[in-house]
Amino acid sequence: MFGACSTTKTEGVLNLPRERLFMAEGSIYTAALMEHNAHPDYKYEMEHPTHTHEGVNPSCGDDIILSLRVVDGIVEEAAFTGSGCAVSLASADIMADLITDEPVEEAKRLCDLFMKMIRGEATDEELEDLGEAAELKSIALMPARVKCAELGWRTLDTILADSIQAETAKEEL
């Protein structure tokens, strides 16, 4: 059996990456996803992050380190490093773009909204808030790719939960 991010063998097509097969079939590989995968703006090692967390998708080997610089409750910078399939890397890049310069609470809301979209529970009106990330909605129809799309967002959720908890503890002192 082939992994979610591996090459595959189908009748008449041997050893093409799954991404090329799906793109040929016109499914989840939108222009935005392919552009963010080919030319990620936020894939770099950040200097002096205030928060970092590693996210791993054990089902296919995607592995990223998400870094944030949060100052006065604002996500001033977001970046990631690592390796993975087109879906996981593009999703992380789209996410970093969406949350940069946003308050932590808004980044958390957008993260929750993305997860709601992947579960098929977000309204079209809510999806407008996700911008390009809403183009990943069809991934919900491909269970093997859901974890790939969620990797960056789940990593962000962990960082934000820790950040919000730390801020709450400071306020209580």
C-alpha atoms as a PDB file:
ATOM      1  CA  MET A   1       0.000   0.000   0.000  1.00  0.00           C
ATOM      2  CA  PHE A   2       1.277   3.458  -0.835  1.00  0.00           C
ATOM      3  CA  GLY A   3       1.432   6.264   1.769  1.00  0.00           C
ATOM      4  CA  ALA A   4      -0.608   9.413   1.429  1.00  0.00           C
ATOM      5  CA  CYS A   5       2.374  11.427   0.196  1.00  0.00           C
ATOM      6  CA  SER A   6       4.144   8.799  -1.867  1.00  0.00           C
ATOM      7  CA  THR A   7       4.281   7.818  -5.501  1.00  0.00           C
ATOM      8  CA  THR A   8       1.642   5.520  -6.833  1.00  0.00           C
ATOM      9  CA  LYS A   9       1.041   3.044  -9.644  1.00  0.00           C
ATOM     10  CA  THR A  10      -2.152   3.101 -11.648  1.00  0.00           C
ATOM     11  CA  GLU A  11      -3.181   1.523 -14.921  1.00  0.00           C
ATOM     12  CA  GLY A  12      -1.209   3.174 -17.718  1.00  0.00           C
ATOM     13  CA  VAL A  13       0.674   5.548 -15.405  1.00  0.00           C
ATOM     14  CA  LEU A  14       3.699   4.314 -13.494  1.00  0.00           C
ATOM     15  CA  ASN A  15       5.445   5.994 -10.598  1.00  0.00           C
ATOM     16  CA  LEU A  16       4.053   9.501 -10.971  1.00  0.00           C
ATOM     17  CA  PRO A  17       3.746  11.508  -7.776  1.00  0.00           C
ATOM     18  CA  ARG A  18       0.195  11.385  -6.433  1.00  0.00           C
ATOM     19  CA  GLU A  19       0.114  15.189  -6.718  1.00  0.00           C
ATOM     20  CA  ARG A  20       0.480  14.983 -10.534  1.00  0.00           C
ATOM     21  CA  LEU A  21      -2.214  12.352 -10.777  1.00  0.00           C
ATOM     22  CA  PHE A  22      -4.682  14.355  -8.696  1.00  0.00           C
ATOM     23  CA  MET A  23      -3.890  17.570 -10.544  1.00  0.00           C
ATOM     24  CA  ALA A  24      -4.561  15.761 -13.817  1.00  0.00           C
ATOM     25  CA  GLU A  25      -7.910  14.653 -12.435  1.00  0.00           C
ATOM     26  CA  GLY A  26      -8.697  18.247 -11.402  1.00  0.00           C
ATOM     27  CA  SER A  27      -9.168  17.743  -7.675  1.00  0.00           C
ATOM     28  CA  ILE A  28      -7.535  19.447  -4.685  1.00  0.00           C
ATOM     29  CA  TYR A  29      -4.542  21.003  -6.417  1.00  0.00           C
ATOM     30  CA  THR A  30      -5.727  24.561  -6.968  1.00  0.00           C
ATOM     31  CA  ALA A  31      -3.558  27.289  -8.474  1.00  0.00           C
ATOM     32  CA  ALA A  32      -3.135  28.818  -4.994  1.00  0.00           C
ATOM     33  CA  LEU A  33      -1.978  25.526  -3.492  1.00  0.00           C
ATOM     34  CA  MET A  34       0.491  24.909  -6.292  1.00  0.00           C
ATOM     35  CA  GLU A  35       1.832  28.484  -6.122  1.00  0.00           C
ATOM     36  CA  HIS A  36       2.324  28.351  -2.330  1.00  0.00           C
ATOM     37  CA  ASN A  37       4.055  24.990  -2.679  1.00  0.00           C
ATOM     38  CA  ALA A  38       6.354  26.104  -5.500  1.00  0.00           C
ATOM     39  CA  HIS A  39       7.115  29.568  -4.091  1.00  0.00           C
ATOM     40  CA  PRO A  40       6.464  29.656  -0.342  1.00  0.00           C
ATOM     41  CA  ASP A  41       6.884  33.137   1.126  1.00  0.00           C
ATOM     42  CA  TYR A  42       6.990  31.949   4.731  1.00  0.00           C
ATOM     43  CA  LYS A  43       9.300  28.931   4.512  1.00  0.00           C
ATOM     44  CA  TYR A  44      12.455  30.159   6.194  1.00  0.00           C
ATOM     45  CA  GLU A  45      14.205  30.016   9.540  1.00  0.00           C
ATOM     46  CA  MET A  46      13.030  32.953  11.629  1.00  0.00           C
ATOM     47  CA  GLU A  47      15.483  34.897  13.723  1.00  0.00           C
ATOM     48  CA  HIS A  48      14.467  35.370  17.360  1.00  0.00           C
ATOM     49  CA  PRO A  49      11.032  33.731  17.439  1.00  0.00           C
ATOM     50  CA  THR A  50       9.064  33.965  20.674  1.00  0.00           C
ATOM     51  CA  HIS A  51       7.392  30.593  20.033  1.00  0.00           C
ATOM     52  CA  THR A  52       8.369  27.450  18.127  1.00  0.00           C
ATOM     53  CA  HIS A  53       6.787  24.043  17.906  1.00  0.00           C
ATOM     54  CA  GLU A  54       7.427  20.961  15.794  1.00  0.00           C
ATOM     55  CA  GLY A  55       4.506  19.344  14.028  1.00  0.00           C
ATOM     56  CA  VAL A  56       4.757  15.844  12.591  1.00  0.00           C
ATOM     57  CA  ASN A  57       2.328  13.828  10.503  1.00  0.00           C
ATOM     58  CA  PRO A  58       3.411  10.246  11.239  1.00  0.00           C
ATOM     59  CA  SER A  59       1.119   8.780   8.580  1.00  0.00           C
ATOM     60  CA  CYS A  60       3.199  10.220   5.740  1.00  0.00           C
ATOM     61  CA  GLY A  61       6.306  11.770   7.291  1.00  0.00           C
ATOM     62  CA  ASP A  62       5.514  15.472   6.937  1.00  0.00           C
ATOM     63  CA  ASP A  63       7.585  17.349   9.525  1.00  0.00           C
ATOM     64  CA  ILE A  64       7.572  21.116  10.086  1.00  0.00           C
ATOM     65  CA  ILE A  65       8.777  23.537  12.715  1.00  0.00           C
ATOM     66  CA  LEU A  66       6.485  26.541  13.035  1.00  0.00           C
ATOM     67  CA  SER A  67       7.946  29.735  14.475  1.00  0.00           C
ATOM     68  CA  LEU A  68       6.040  32.815  15.587  1.00  0.00           C
ATOM     69  CA  ARG A  69       7.109  36.169  16.862  1.00  0.00           C
ATOM     70  CA  VAL A  70       4.301  37.431  19.087  1.00  0.00           C
ATOM     71  CA  VAL A  71       4.690  40.938  20.523  1.00  0.00           C
ATOM     72  CA  ASP A  72       1.999  42.628  22.616  1.00  0.00           C
ATOM     73  CA  GLY A  73      -0.556  40.025  21.580  1.00  0.00           C
ATOM     74  CA  ILE A  74       0.076  40.422  17.824  1.00  0.00           C
ATOM     75  CA  VAL A  75       1.553  37.736  15.577  1.00  0.00           C
ATOM     76  CA  GLU A  76       4.205  39.969  14.012  1.00  0.00           C
ATOM     77  CA  GLU A  77       5.842  37.195  12.034  1.00  0.00           C
ATOM     78  CA  ALA A  78       5.143  33.560  11.174  1.00  0.00           C
ATOM     79  CA  ALA A  79       7.484  31.163   9.383  1.00  0.00           C
ATOM     80  CA  PHE A  80       8.125  27.459   9.051  1.00  0.00           C
ATOM     81  CA  THR A  81      10.874  25.071   8.055  1.00  0.00           C
ATOM     82  CA  GLY A  82      10.752  21.383   7.304  1.00  0.00           C
ATOM     83  CA  SER A  83       9.686  18.957   4.662  1.00  0.00           C
ATOM     84  CA  GLY A  84       6.472  17.435   3.475  1.00  0.00           C
ATOM     85  CA  CYS A  85       4.075  16.979   0.626  1.00  0.00           C
ATOM     86  CA  ALA A  86       2.647  19.807  -1.477  1.00  0.00           C
ATOM     87  CA  VAL A  87      -0.531  19.952   0.602  1.00  0.00           C
ATOM     88  CA  SER A  88       1.166  20.274   3.992  1.00  0.00           C
ATOM     89  CA  LEU A  89       3.731  22.848   2.881  1.00  0.00           C
ATOM     90  CA  ALA A  90       1.284  24.974   0.896  1.00  0.00           C
ATOM     91  CA  SER A  91      -1.252  24.876   3.728  1.00  0.00           C
ATOM     92  CA  ALA A  92       1.402  26.012   6.226  1.00  0.00           C
ATOM     93  CA  ASP A  93       2.457  28.846   3.906  1.00  0.00           C
ATOM     94  CA  ILE A  94      -1.138  29.995   3.369  1.00  0.00           C
ATOM     95  CA  MET A  95      -1.705  29.857   7.143  1.00  0.00           C
ATOM     96  CA  ALA A  96       1.416  31.909   7.912  1.00  0.00           C
ATOM     97  CA  ASP A  97       0.303  34.569   5.444  1.00  0.00           C
ATOM     98  CA  LEU A  98      -3.189  34.679   6.932  1.00  0.00           C
ATOM     99  CA  ILE A  99      -2.130  35.096  10.575  1.00  0.00           C
ATOM    100  CA  THR A 100       0.794  37.505  10.156  1.00  0.00           C
ATOM    101  CA  ASP A 101      -0.040  40.898  11.735  1.00  0.00           C
ATOM    102  CA  GLU A 102      -3.165  39.490  13.391  1.00  0.00           C
ATOM    103  CA  PRO A 103      -3.945  39.518  17.121  1.00  0.00           C
ATOM    104  CA  VAL A 104      -3.403  36.140  18.793  1.00  0.00           C
ATOM    105  CA  GLU A 105      -7.155  35.828  19.413  1.00  0.00           C
ATOM    106  CA  GLU A 106      -7.874  36.336  15.697  1.00  0.00           C
ATOM    107  CA  ALA A 107      -5.208  33.815  14.713  1.00  0.00           C
ATOM    108  CA  LYS A 108      -6.849  31.328  17.094  1.00  0.00           C
ATOM    109  CA  ARG A 109     -10.287  32.057  15.595  1.00  0.00           C
ATOM    110  CA  LEU A 110      -8.938  31.529  12.064  1.00  0.00           C
ATOM    111  CA  CYS A 111      -7.282  28.291  13.139  1.00  0.00           C
ATOM    112  CA  ASP A 112     -10.526  27.033  14.648  1.00  0.00           C
ATOM    113  CA  LEU A 113     -12.403  28.103  11.507  1.00  0.00           C
ATOM    114  CA  PHE A 114      -9.984  26.208   9.274  1.00  0.00           C
ATOM    115  CA  MET A 115     -10.501  23.042  11.300  1.00  0.00           C
ATOM    116  CA  LYS A 116     -14.263  23.601  11.156  1.00  0.00           C
ATOM    117  CA  MET A 117     -13.992  23.906   7.355  1.00  0.00           C
ATOM    118  CA  ILE A 118     -12.042  20.650   7.090  1.00  0.00           C
ATOM    119  CA  ARG A 119     -14.793  18.927   9.097  1.00  0.00           C
ATOM    120  CA  GLY A 120     -17.339  20.312   6.605  1.00  0.00           C
ATOM    121  CA  GLU A 121     -19.050  22.485   9.231  1.00  0.00           C
ATOM    122  CA  ALA A 122     -18.179  26.030   8.057  1.00  0.00           C
ATOM    123  CA  THR A 123     -20.657  28.195   6.183  1.00  0.00           C
ATOM    124  CA  ASP A 124     -19.777  29.943   2.921  1.00  0.00           C
ATOM    125  CA  GLU A 125     -19.940  33.247   4.786  1.00  0.00           C
ATOM    126  CA  GLU A 126     -17.414  32.015   7.371  1.00  0.00           C
ATOM    127  CA  LEU A 127     -15.107  30.739   4.626  1.00  0.00           C
ATOM    128  CA  GLU A 128     -14.650  34.291   3.341  1.00  0.00           C
ATOM    129  CA  ASP A 129     -12.551  35.000   6.454  1.00  0.00           C
ATOM    130  CA  LEU A 130     -10.078  32.276   5.442  1.00  0.00           C
ATOM    131  CA  GLY A 131      -9.106  33.858   2.122  1.00  0.00           C
ATOM    132  CA  GLU A 132      -6.933  31.467   0.112  1.00  0.00           C
ATOM    133  CA  ALA A 133      -7.117  28.862   2.874  1.00  0.00           C
ATOM    134  CA  ALA A 134     -10.764  28.318   1.900  1.00  0.00           C
ATOM    135  CA  GLU A 135      -9.499  26.847  -1.386  1.00  0.00           C
ATOM    136  CA  LEU A 136      -8.361  23.827   0.643  1.00  0.00           C
ATOM    137  CA  LYS A 137     -11.985  22.980   1.481  1.00  0.00           C
ATOM    138  CA  SER A 138     -12.106  20.071  -0.992  1.00  0.00           C
ATOM    139  CA  ILE A 139      -9.367  18.280   0.947  1.00  0.00           C
ATOM    140  CA  ALA A 140     -12.085  17.289   3.411  1.00  0.00           C
ATOM    141  CA  LEU A 141     -13.250  14.855   0.725  1.00  0.00           C
ATOM    142  CA  MET A 142      -9.887  13.066   0.763  1.00  0.00           C
ATOM    143  CA  PRO A 143      -9.322  11.599   4.234  1.00  0.00           C
ATOM    144  CA  ALA A 144      -5.724  10.594   3.439  1.00  0.00           C
ATOM    145  CA  ARG A 145      -4.860  14.259   2.786  1.00  0.00           C
ATOM    146  CA  VAL A 146      -6.698  15.866   5.717  1.00  0.00           C
ATOM    147  CA  LYS A 147      -3.811  15.391   8.152  1.00  0.00           C
ATOM    148  CA  CYS A 148      -1.453  16.910   5.603  1.00  0.00           C
ATOM    149  CA  ALA A 149      -3.570  20.061   5.305  1.00  0.00           C
ATOM    150  CA  GLU A 150      -4.079  20.294   9.062  1.00  0.00           C
ATOM    151  CA  LEU A 151      -0.432  19.885  10.105  1.00  0.00           C
ATOM    152  CA  GLY A 152       0.532  23.561  10.155  1.00  0.00           C
ATOM    153  CA  TRP A 153      -2.800  24.567  11.655  1.00  0.00           C
ATOM    154  CA  ARG A 154      -2.602  21.978  14.450  1.00  0.00           C
ATOM    155  CA  THR A 155       0.938  23.131  15.194  1.00  0.00           C
ATOM    156  CA  LEU A 156      -0.306  26.725  15.314  1.00  0.00           C
ATOM    157  CA  ASP A 157      -3.142  25.702  17.623  1.00  0.00           C
ATOM    158  CA  THR A 158      -0.632  24.211  20.074  1.00  0.00           C
ATOM    159  CA  ILE A 159       1.480  27.375  20.059  1.00  0.00           C
ATOM    160  CA  LEU A 160      -1.526  29.656  20.465  1.00  0.00           C
ATOM    161  CA  ALA A 161      -2.989  27.580  23.292  1.00  0.00           C
ATOM    162  CA  ASP A 162       0.328  27.846  25.132  1.00  0.00           C
ATOM    163  CA  SER A 163       0.579  31.587  24.359  1.00  0.00           C
ATOM    164  CA  ILE A 164      -2.961  32.360  25.508  1.00  0.00           C
ATOM    165  CA  GLN A 165      -2.470  30.270  28.642  1.00  0.00           C
ATOM    166  CA  ALA A 166       0.779  32.132  29.435  1.00  0.00           C
ATOM    167  CA  GLU A 167      -0.902  35.532  28.922  1.00  0.00           C
ATOM    168  CA  THR A 168      -3.805  34.514  31.159  1.00  0.00           C
ATOM    169  CA  ALA A 169      -1.374  33.424  33.878  1.00  0.00           C
ATOM    170  CA  LYS A 170       0.442  36.792  33.648  1.00  0.00           C
ATOM    171  CA  GLU A 171      -2.822  38.688  33.986  1.00  0.00           C
ATOM    172  CA  GLU A 172      -3.778  36.697  37.075  1.00  0.00           C
ATOM    173  CA  LEU A 173      -0.569  37.688  38.877  1.00  0.00           C
END
